[in-house]
N, C-alpha and C. Protein backbone atom coordinates (compact mmCIF):
# COMPACT_ATOMS: atom_id res chain seq x y z
N UNK A 1 -7.79 -18.83 14.33
CA UNK A 1 -7.48 -17.34 13.45
C UNK A 1 -6.74 -17.27 13.61
N UNK A 2 -6.68 -16.43 12.17
CA UNK A 2 -5.05 -15.85 11.93
C UNK A 2 -5.16 -14.62 12.68
N UNK A 3 -3.48 -14.65 13.02
CA UNK A 3 -3.30 -13.53 13.66
C UNK A 3 -3.43 -12.81 15.41
N UNK A 4 -4.17 -14.42 15.47
CA UNK A 4 -4.89 -14.47 17.19
C UNK A 4 -3.44 -15.11 17.75
N UNK A 5 -3.13 -14.77 19.51
CA UNK A 5 -2.54 -15.08 20.09
C UNK A 5 -2.31 -15.74 21.10
N UNK A 6 -1.84 -16.88 21.32
CA UNK A 6 -3.21 -17.58 22.63
C UNK A 6 -1.79 -17.42 23.89
N UNK A 7 -1.97 -17.06 25.37
CA UNK A 7 -0.94 -17.64 26.21
C UNK A 7 -1.66 -18.07 27.43
N UNK A 8 -0.98 -19.11 27.74
CA UNK A 8 -1.42 -19.85 29.38
C UNK A 8 -0.75 -20.03 30.01
N UNK A 9 -0.88 -20.03 31.78
CA UNK A 9 0.05 -20.31 32.63
C UNK A 9 -0.52 -21.15 33.55
N UNK A 10 -0.54 -21.81 34.48
CA UNK A 10 -0.85 -22.96 35.33
C UNK A 10 0.06 -22.33 36.34
N UNK A 11 1.65 -22.47 36.41
CA UNK A 11 2.13 -22.34 37.23
C UNK A 11 1.70 -21.14 37.94
N UNK A 12 1.54 -21.20 39.72
CA UNK A 12 1.54 -20.51 40.35
C UNK A 12 2.10 -18.82 40.71
N UNK A 13 1.77 -17.74 40.43
CA UNK A 13 2.01 -16.60 40.38
C UNK A 13 1.58 -16.00 41.72
N UNK A 14 2.29 -16.01 43.11
CA UNK A 14 2.46 -16.28 44.16
C UNK A 14 1.18 -16.94 44.63
N UNK A 15 0.37 -17.52 43.94
CA UNK A 15 -0.77 -18.47 45.13
C UNK A 15 -1.05 -19.80 43.87
N UNK A 16 -1.04 -20.67 44.80
CA UNK A 16 -1.45 -22.32 43.79
C UNK A 16 -2.61 -22.08 44.24
N UNK A 17 -3.47 -21.13 43.98
CA UNK A 17 -4.62 -21.49 43.77
C UNK A 17 -5.01 -21.31 42.40
N UNK A 18 -3.82 -20.38 41.61
CA UNK A 18 -4.67 -19.24 40.46
C UNK A 18 -4.44 -20.20 39.26
N UNK A 19 -5.28 -19.76 38.80
CA UNK A 19 -5.10 -20.74 36.75
C UNK A 19 -4.94 -18.76 36.18
N UNK A 20 -3.96 -18.80 35.14
CA UNK A 20 -4.45 -17.86 33.81
C UNK A 20 -4.39 -17.73 32.95
N UNK A 21 -5.21 -17.63 32.18
CA UNK A 21 -5.24 -17.86 30.19
C UNK A 21 -5.45 -16.40 29.81
N UNK A 22 -4.50 -16.07 28.44
CA UNK A 22 -4.63 -15.03 27.95
C UNK A 22 -4.52 -15.16 26.51
N UNK A 23 -5.52 -14.62 26.21
CA UNK A 23 -5.02 -14.93 24.30
C UNK A 23 -5.16 -13.30 24.05
N UNK A 24 -4.07 -12.73 22.59
CA UNK A 24 -5.04 -11.42 21.54
C UNK A 24 -5.84 -11.87 20.42
N UNK A 25 -6.85 -10.88 20.46
CA UNK A 25 -7.48 -11.33 19.25
C UNK A 25 -7.59 -9.85 19.10
N UNK A 26 -8.37 -10.18 17.86
CA UNK A 26 -7.53 -9.44 15.61
C UNK A 26 -8.99 -8.45 16.00
N UNK A 27 -9.41 -7.65 17.26
CA UNK A 27 -10.53 -7.00 17.61
C UNK A 27 -10.26 -5.87 18.31
N UNK A 28 -11.10 -4.20 18.27
CA UNK A 28 -11.07 -2.98 19.26
C UNK A 28 -10.93 -3.70 20.29
N UNK A 29 -10.82 -3.74 21.75
CA UNK A 29 -11.56 -3.45 22.86
C UNK A 29 -13.73 -3.82 23.20
N UNK A 30 -13.70 -2.34 22.84
CA UNK A 30 -15.30 -2.66 22.68
C UNK A 30 -15.86 -3.38 22.25
N UNK A 31 -15.40 -3.96 20.92
CA UNK A 31 -16.66 -5.46 20.74
C UNK A 31 -15.96 -6.21 21.44
N UNK A 32 -15.11 -6.35 21.64
CA UNK A 32 -14.86 -7.96 22.43
C UNK A 32 -15.64 -7.71 23.81
N UNK A 33 -15.33 -6.61 24.25
CA UNK A 33 -16.07 -6.01 25.89
C UNK A 33 -17.72 -7.05 25.31
N UNK A 34 -18.09 -5.96 24.45
CA UNK A 34 -18.99 -6.41 23.99
C UNK A 34 -19.95 -7.25 23.84
N UNK A 35 -18.64 -8.40 23.35
CA UNK A 35 -19.39 -9.91 22.96
C UNK A 35 -19.43 -10.89 23.95
N UNK A 36 -18.80 -10.21 25.56
CA UNK A 36 -18.99 -11.35 26.63
C UNK A 36 -19.55 -10.39 27.66
N UNK A 37 -20.16 -9.14 27.34
CA UNK A 37 -21.61 -8.87 28.87
C UNK A 37 -23.07 -8.37 27.70
N UNK A 38 -22.79 -8.90 26.91
CA UNK A 38 -24.42 -9.21 25.71
C UNK A 38 -25.31 -10.45 25.58
N UNK A 39 -25.78 -10.63 25.90
CA UNK A 39 -26.00 -12.75 26.58
C UNK A 39 -26.71 -12.46 25.27
N UNK A 40 -26.83 -11.92 24.65
CA UNK A 40 -26.65 -12.63 22.50
C UNK A 40 -26.36 -12.64 21.59
N UNK A 41 -24.78 -12.35 22.59
CA UNK A 41 -23.61 -12.66 22.33
C UNK A 41 -22.98 -14.05 23.02
N UNK A 42 -23.17 -13.57 24.04
CA UNK A 42 -22.24 -14.60 24.90
C UNK A 42 -22.53 -15.98 24.80
N UNK A 43 -24.25 -16.11 25.00
CA UNK A 43 -24.71 -16.84 24.96
C UNK A 43 -24.66 -18.50 23.51
N UNK A 44 -23.52 -17.64 22.51
CA UNK A 44 -23.52 -18.26 21.37
C UNK A 44 -22.19 -18.47 21.37
N UNK A 45 -20.85 -18.26 22.10
CA UNK A 45 -19.64 -18.19 21.62
C UNK A 45 -19.28 -19.38 23.64
N UNK A 46 -19.91 -19.21 24.27
CA UNK A 46 -19.70 -19.74 26.29
C UNK A 46 -18.77 -21.13 26.28
N UNK A 47 -18.07 -21.33 26.30
CA UNK A 47 -17.58 -22.49 26.37
C UNK A 47 -16.74 -23.10 25.71
N UNK A 48 -16.14 -24.83 26.46
CA UNK A 48 -15.20 -25.22 25.47
C UNK A 48 -15.99 -25.80 23.65
N UNK A 49 -14.69 -26.27 23.78
CA UNK A 49 -15.66 -26.43 22.09
C UNK A 49 -16.14 -27.70 22.42
N UNK A 50 -17.46 -27.93 21.59
CA UNK A 50 -18.37 -28.72 21.41
C UNK A 50 -19.87 -28.20 22.76
N UNK A 51 -19.39 -27.35 23.73
CA UNK A 51 -20.51 -27.53 24.56
C UNK A 51 -20.71 -26.31 23.88
N UNK A 52 -22.81 -26.05 24.68
CA UNK A 52 -23.13 -24.83 23.85
C UNK A 52 -24.39 -24.63 25.09
N UNK A 53 -24.69 -23.19 25.04
CA UNK A 53 -24.74 -22.72 26.01
C UNK A 53 -26.91 -22.12 26.52
N UNK A 54 -27.44 -22.50 27.32
CA UNK A 54 -28.61 -22.47 27.35
C UNK A 54 -29.29 -20.86 28.30
N UNK A 55 -28.64 -19.87 27.92
CA UNK A 55 -29.36 -19.07 28.82
C UNK A 55 -30.56 -18.99 29.80
N UNK A 56 -31.16 -19.53 31.28
CA UNK A 56 -32.34 -19.34 32.28
C UNK A 56 -32.37 -18.22 32.47
N UNK A 57 -31.81 -17.02 33.19
CA UNK A 57 -32.11 -15.71 33.09
C UNK A 57 -30.26 -14.98 33.48
N UNK A 58 -30.22 -13.59 32.93
CA UNK A 58 -29.02 -12.75 33.10
C UNK A 58 -29.24 -11.28 33.27
N UNK A 59 -28.26 -10.94 34.10
CA UNK A 59 -28.52 -9.57 34.00
C UNK A 59 -27.02 -8.53 34.61
N UNK A 60 -26.94 -8.29 33.21
CA UNK A 60 -25.15 -7.70 34.08
C UNK A 60 -24.95 -6.31 33.85
N UNK A 61 -24.95 -6.69 35.71
CA UNK A 61 -24.78 -5.36 36.15
C UNK A 61 -23.98 -5.60 37.18
N UNK A 62 -23.39 -5.36 38.30
CA UNK A 62 -22.83 -5.63 39.21
C UNK A 62 -23.67 -6.00 40.29
N UNK A 63 -23.26 -7.28 40.84
CA UNK A 63 -24.47 -8.08 41.94
C UNK A 63 -25.83 -8.50 40.72
N UNK A 64 -25.59 -8.52 39.37
CA UNK A 64 -26.17 -9.23 38.74
C UNK A 64 -26.23 -10.62 38.21
N UNK A 65 -26.70 -11.06 37.79
CA UNK A 65 -26.37 -12.41 38.02
C UNK A 65 -26.82 -13.14 36.52
N UNK A 66 -26.44 -14.51 35.90
CA UNK A 66 -26.68 -15.46 34.59
C UNK A 66 -26.52 -16.50 35.71
N UNK A 67 -27.27 -16.93 34.85
CA UNK A 67 -27.81 -18.29 35.39
C UNK A 67 -28.07 -18.96 34.77
N UNK A 68 -26.96 -20.40 33.48
CA UNK A 68 -27.01 -20.91 32.67
C UNK A 68 -26.89 -22.62 32.60
N UNK A 69 -27.15 -22.78 31.69
CA UNK A 69 -26.71 -24.73 31.57
C UNK A 69 -25.79 -25.40 30.43
N UNK A 70 -24.70 -24.76 30.38
CA UNK A 70 -24.21 -25.82 29.75
C UNK A 70 -24.18 -26.79 29.17
N UNK A 71 -24.52 -27.70 28.07
CA UNK A 71 -24.77 -28.69 28.08
C UNK A 71 -23.12 -29.61 27.11
N UNK A 72 -22.45 -29.83 27.14
CA UNK A 72 -21.42 -31.13 27.21
C UNK A 72 -21.52 -31.95 25.34
N UNK A 73 -20.95 -32.09 24.96
CA UNK A 73 -20.88 -32.79 24.08
C UNK A 73 -21.05 -34.59 23.94
N UNK A 74 -21.30 -34.81 24.92
CA UNK A 74 -21.18 -35.97 25.27
C UNK A 74 -23.40 -35.84 25.81
N UNK A 75 -24.04 -34.68 26.22
CA UNK A 75 -25.36 -34.91 26.13
C UNK A 75 -24.92 -34.61 28.41
N UNK A 76 -24.34 -34.35 28.50
CA UNK A 76 -24.16 -33.95 29.99
C UNK A 76 -24.70 -33.00 30.24
N UNK A 77 -25.80 -32.35 30.89
CA UNK A 77 -25.98 -30.47 30.88
C UNK A 77 -24.99 -30.75 32.62
N UNK A 78 -24.87 -29.67 32.19
CA UNK A 78 -24.10 -28.65 33.48
C UNK A 78 -24.82 -27.72 34.04
N UNK A 79 -25.67 -27.23 34.66
CA UNK A 79 -26.01 -26.20 35.74
C UNK A 79 -25.17 -25.09 36.50
N UNK A 80 -24.85 -23.85 35.56
CA UNK A 80 -24.15 -22.30 35.79
C UNK A 80 -24.35 -21.66 36.35
N UNK A 81 -23.30 -21.08 37.58
CA UNK A 81 -24.18 -19.46 37.37
C UNK A 81 -22.45 -18.81 37.90
N UNK A 82 -23.25 -17.62 37.40
CA UNK A 82 -22.03 -16.05 37.70
C UNK A 82 -23.02 -15.25 38.21
N UNK A 83 -22.07 -15.09 39.52
CA UNK A 83 -22.43 -13.36 39.55
C UNK A 83 -21.59 -12.31 39.12
N UNK A 84 -22.46 -11.02 38.55
CA UNK A 84 -20.51 -10.10 38.24
C UNK A 84 -20.83 -9.52 39.66
N UNK A 85 -19.98 -8.98 39.58
CA UNK A 85 -18.68 -8.51 41.50
C UNK A 85 -18.54 -7.27 40.89
N UNK A 86 -17.65 -7.32 39.82
CA UNK A 86 -17.34 -5.96 39.89
C UNK A 86 -17.72 -5.42 38.46
N UNK A 87 -17.47 -4.27 37.53
CA UNK A 87 -17.24 -3.65 36.05
C UNK A 87 -17.23 -2.74 35.51
N UNK A 88 -15.65 -2.45 35.36
CA UNK A 88 -15.42 -1.88 34.44
C UNK A 88 -15.28 -1.44 33.32
N UNK A 89 -16.37 -0.91 32.32
CA UNK A 89 -16.31 -1.17 31.09
C UNK A 89 -15.85 -0.40 30.37
N UNK A 90 -14.30 -0.35 29.08
CA UNK A 90 -14.25 -1.40 28.41
C UNK A 90 -13.79 -2.92 28.78
N UNK A 91 -13.17 -2.68 30.88
CA UNK A 91 -11.63 -2.45 30.99
C UNK A 91 -11.67 -3.70 31.81
N UNK A 92 -12.94 -4.34 32.90
CA UNK A 92 -12.47 -5.12 33.84
C UNK A 92 -13.89 -6.08 33.66
N UNK A 93 -13.31 -7.64 34.23
CA UNK A 93 -15.18 -7.48 35.15
C UNK A 93 -14.00 -8.55 35.87
N UNK A 94 -14.74 -7.84 36.98
CA UNK A 94 -14.88 -9.73 38.07
C UNK A 94 -16.48 -10.49 38.37
N UNK A 95 -15.44 -11.75 38.42
CA UNK A 95 -17.26 -12.47 38.42
C UNK A 95 -17.05 -13.86 39.51
N UNK A 96 -17.80 -13.85 40.16
CA UNK A 96 -17.93 -15.01 40.90
C UNK A 96 -18.65 -16.16 40.47
N UNK A 97 -17.97 -17.44 40.25
CA UNK A 97 -18.49 -18.48 39.36
C UNK A 97 -18.29 -19.78 39.69
N UNK A 98 -19.59 -20.44 40.06
CA UNK A 98 -20.14 -21.77 40.57
C UNK A 98 -21.26 -22.72 39.82
N UNK A 99 -21.74 -23.64 40.53
CA UNK A 99 -22.78 -24.41 39.69
C UNK A 99 -24.30 -23.70 40.53
N UNK A 100 -24.08 -22.94 41.71
CA UNK A 100 -25.77 -22.77 41.91
C UNK A 100 -25.11 -21.65 42.80
N UNK A 101 -26.23 -20.35 43.45
CA UNK A 101 -26.00 -19.50 44.04
C UNK A 101 -24.94 -19.66 45.75
N UNK A 102 -25.63 -20.80 45.87
CA UNK A 102 -25.10 -20.85 47.26
C UNK A 102 -23.38 -22.15 47.47
N UNK A 103 -23.20 -22.74 46.28
CA UNK A 103 -21.81 -23.33 46.00
C UNK A 103 -20.24 -23.30 47.24
N UNK A 104 -20.17 -23.26 48.06
CA UNK A 104 -19.28 -23.13 48.81
C UNK A 104 -17.84 -23.33 48.02
N UNK A 105 -18.01 -23.93 46.81
CA UNK A 105 -17.11 -23.96 45.50
C UNK A 105 -16.91 -23.31 44.63
N UNK A 106 -17.52 -22.42 44.48
CA UNK A 106 -17.38 -20.79 43.65
C UNK A 106 -15.62 -20.50 43.44
N UNK A 107 -15.50 -20.37 42.59
CA UNK A 107 -14.41 -19.26 42.12
C UNK A 107 -14.50 -18.03 41.28
N UNK A 108 -13.68 -17.07 41.96
CA UNK A 108 -13.25 -15.48 41.61
C UNK A 108 -13.07 -15.42 40.22
N UNK A 109 -12.98 -15.41 39.16
CA UNK A 109 -12.45 -15.31 37.84
C UNK A 109 -12.39 -13.28 37.70
N UNK A 110 -11.34 -12.41 37.16
CA UNK A 110 -11.31 -10.95 37.08
C UNK A 110 -10.29 -11.24 35.54
N UNK A 111 -11.23 -11.15 34.41
CA UNK A 111 -11.06 -10.29 33.26
C UNK A 111 -10.54 -9.07 32.73
N UNK A 112 -9.55 -9.02 32.10
CA UNK A 112 -8.90 -7.63 31.66
C UNK A 112 -9.17 -7.61 30.61
N UNK A 113 -9.53 -6.31 29.41
CA UNK A 113 -9.21 -6.41 28.06
C UNK A 113 -8.48 -4.97 27.95
N UNK A 114 -7.82 -5.29 27.73
CA UNK A 114 -6.51 -4.47 26.92
C UNK A 114 -6.50 -4.56 25.89
N UNK A 115 -6.04 -2.46 25.13
CA UNK A 115 -5.54 -2.67 24.42
C UNK A 115 -4.05 -2.87 23.49
N UNK A 116 -4.19 -4.05 22.67
CA UNK A 116 -2.89 -4.71 22.23
C UNK A 116 -2.91 -4.32 20.70
N UNK A 117 -2.61 -3.02 20.34
CA UNK A 117 -2.10 -2.46 18.56
C UNK A 117 -4.08 -2.04 18.70
N UNK A 118 -4.49 -2.74 18.04
CA UNK A 118 -5.09 -2.85 17.00
C UNK A 118 -6.16 -3.64 17.60
N UNK A 119 -5.70 -4.94 18.78
CA UNK A 119 -6.81 -5.93 18.53
C UNK A 119 -6.53 -5.72 20.66
N UNK A 120 -7.41 -6.79 20.98
CA UNK A 120 -7.29 -6.92 22.33
C UNK A 120 -6.41 -7.66 22.75
N UNK A 121 -5.91 -7.74 24.45
CA UNK A 121 -5.30 -8.83 24.88
C UNK A 121 -6.93 -8.78 25.84
N UNK A 122 -7.15 -10.15 26.18
CA UNK A 122 -7.62 -10.29 26.92
C UNK A 122 -7.50 -11.63 27.94
N UNK A 123 -7.13 -11.03 29.44
CA UNK A 123 -6.43 -12.17 30.11
C UNK A 123 -7.86 -12.86 31.40
N UNK A 124 -7.81 -14.22 32.06
CA UNK A 124 -8.23 -14.51 32.44
C UNK A 124 -7.84 -15.34 33.64
N UNK A 125 -8.18 -14.11 34.99
CA UNK A 125 -7.33 -14.68 35.86
C UNK A 125 -8.52 -15.42 37.27
N UNK A 126 -8.17 -16.75 37.43
CA UNK A 126 -9.16 -17.27 38.02
C UNK A 126 -8.61 -17.78 39.01
N UNK A 127 -8.88 -17.42 40.36
CA UNK A 127 -8.63 -17.99 41.87
C UNK A 127 -9.30 -18.93 42.42
N UNK A 128 -9.03 -20.32 42.84
CA UNK A 128 -9.66 -20.48 43.90
C UNK A 128 -9.97 -20.56 45.15
N UNK A 129 -10.95 -21.36 46.00
CA UNK A 129 -11.18 -21.65 47.25
C UNK A 129 -9.16 -21.93 47.85
N UNK A 130 -9.57 -23.69 47.10
CA UNK A 130 -8.27 -23.96 47.83
C UNK A 130 -7.15 -24.29 46.61
N UNK A 131 -6.44 -24.70 46.93
CA UNK A 131 -4.98 -25.63 45.88
C UNK A 131 -5.81 -26.66 45.20
N UNK A 132 -6.56 -27.46 46.18
CA UNK A 132 -6.45 -29.11 46.08
C UNK A 132 -8.15 -29.07 44.42
N UNK A 133 -9.15 -27.44 45.27
CA UNK A 133 -10.07 -27.54 43.78
C UNK A 133 -9.53 -26.80 42.75
N UNK A 134 -8.25 -25.82 42.87
CA UNK A 134 -7.35 -25.41 41.66
C UNK A 134 -7.21 -27.20 41.40
N UNK A 135 -6.44 -27.49 41.75
CA UNK A 135 -5.48 -28.27 41.17
C UNK A 135 -6.89 -29.56 41.08
N UNK A 136 -7.72 -30.19 41.28
CA UNK A 136 -9.35 -30.85 40.63
C UNK A 136 -9.63 -30.45 39.09
N UNK A 137 -9.26 -28.66 39.52
CA UNK A 137 -10.14 -27.80 38.08
C UNK A 137 -9.88 -28.57 36.99
N UNK A 138 -8.56 -28.18 37.27
CA UNK A 138 -7.44 -28.91 36.02
C UNK A 138 -7.14 -29.96 35.45
N UNK A 139 -7.07 -30.84 36.46
CA UNK A 139 -7.29 -32.46 36.98
C UNK A 139 -7.85 -33.38 35.60
N UNK A 140 -8.65 -32.65 36.93
CA UNK A 140 -10.24 -33.90 36.15
C UNK A 140 -11.13 -33.14 35.16
N UNK A 141 -11.05 -31.80 35.39
CA UNK A 141 -11.86 -30.68 33.78
C UNK A 141 -11.18 -30.44 33.10
N UNK A 142 -10.01 -30.05 33.27
CA UNK A 142 -9.33 -29.63 31.96
C UNK A 142 -9.46 -28.35 32.17
N UNK A 143 -9.47 -27.77 33.30
CA UNK A 143 -9.96 -26.16 33.00
C UNK A 143 -8.80 -25.08 32.13
N UNK A 144 -7.46 -25.59 32.29
CA UNK A 144 -6.87 -24.86 31.37
C UNK A 144 -7.54 -24.90 29.67
N UNK A 145 -7.64 -26.13 29.54
CA UNK A 145 -7.85 -26.51 27.97
C UNK A 145 -8.61 -26.17 27.97
N UNK A 146 -10.01 -25.91 28.90
CA UNK A 146 -11.73 -25.20 28.07
C UNK A 146 -11.59 -24.30 28.98
N UNK A 147 -10.31 -23.60 29.20
CA UNK A 147 -10.15 -21.51 28.90
C UNK A 147 -9.55 -21.85 28.24
N UNK A 148 -8.69 -22.19 27.27
CA UNK A 148 -8.06 -21.86 26.42
C UNK A 148 -9.15 -21.54 25.45
N UNK A 149 -9.76 -23.19 25.21
CA UNK A 149 -10.71 -22.80 24.49
C UNK A 149 -11.58 -22.40 24.14
N UNK A 150 -12.46 -21.47 25.38
CA UNK A 150 -13.27 -20.94 26.09
C UNK A 150 -13.11 -19.57 24.76
N UNK A 151 -11.54 -19.16 25.09
CA UNK A 151 -11.23 -17.82 24.71
C UNK A 151 -11.02 -17.87 23.12
N UNK A 152 -11.21 -19.56 22.75
CA UNK A 152 -10.54 -19.61 20.99
C UNK A 152 -12.10 -19.13 20.37
N UNK A 153 -13.32 -20.09 21.02
CA UNK A 153 -14.41 -19.38 20.65
C UNK A 153 -14.42 -17.55 20.63
N UNK A 154 -14.33 -17.56 21.62
CA UNK A 154 -14.36 -15.50 21.53
C UNK A 154 -13.77 -15.20 20.39
N UNK A 155 -12.94 -15.43 20.55
CA UNK A 155 -11.96 -14.97 19.48
C UNK A 155 -12.59 -15.30 17.90
N UNK A 156 -13.56 -16.31 17.67
CA UNK A 156 -13.88 -16.88 16.17
C UNK A 156 -15.03 -16.55 16.18
N UNK A 157 -15.95 -15.74 17.62
CA UNK A 157 -17.03 -15.38 16.96
C UNK A 157 -17.03 -14.22 16.25
N UNK A 158 -16.18 -13.20 17.68
CA UNK A 158 -15.58 -11.92 17.58
C UNK A 158 -15.07 -11.86 15.66
N UNK A 159 -13.86 -12.68 15.21
CA UNK A 159 -13.67 -12.47 13.98
C UNK A 159 -14.97 -12.38 13.02
N UNK A 160 -15.96 -13.50 13.19
CA UNK A 160 -17.27 -13.65 12.45
C UNK A 160 -17.81 -11.97 12.33
N UNK A 161 -18.15 -11.17 13.65
CA UNK A 161 -18.91 -10.26 13.70
C UNK A 161 -18.27 -9.23 13.41
N UNK A 162 -16.72 -8.73 13.25
CA UNK A 162 -16.07 -8.26 12.45
C UNK A 162 -15.94 -8.37 10.93
N UNK A 163 -16.03 -9.34 10.80
CA UNK A 163 -16.52 -9.62 9.25
C UNK A 163 -17.83 -9.37 8.41
N UNK A 164 -18.96 -9.92 9.14
CA UNK A 164 -19.95 -9.20 8.65
C UNK A 164 -20.11 -7.97 8.90
N UNK A 165 -20.28 -7.35 9.75
CA UNK A 165 -20.34 -5.42 10.02
C UNK A 165 -18.70 -5.06 8.48
N UNK A 166 -17.93 -5.89 8.05
CA UNK A 166 -17.00 -4.85 7.34
C UNK A 166 -17.77 -5.61 5.54
N UNK A 167 -18.47 -7.00 5.76
CA UNK A 167 -19.50 -6.82 4.52
C UNK A 167 -20.79 -5.92 4.60
N UNK A 168 -21.10 -5.83 5.16
CA UNK A 168 -22.38 -4.44 5.50
C UNK A 168 -23.38 -5.56 5.31
């Protein structure tokens, strides 16, 4: 996407269990937040390149859950579960993400949506229960690249929304 900037860092910032990925998206914060919090949008862009999402249930409120299947490009299905922990529209979302509601390896992510001129800087900070789980996510599941691709998908989706809105 023209004009979009993306940054990420994998090195620990006080914690060796953390991954932080950020990106600037050329759209107002309210629109980016909306694309992240309404299932009719979220189901269309969530996941790394080549993945698609089927939502089984979605309730966006503190304590609510999103239960979905992430379909990999190789045909593998991944059961996914997210509980929304804290929501501060349009600034911040904290969530717990695992395979199921009782997943002992679930990890917490905090997403911040900050104005950056007319654009929005989104930062996704993920903290894993252990350094070993963080390292496994990075090495085995390519979590950093997957996170970058997911935010890239969000940027492309929002750019399409902006374009369609401009066309009327």
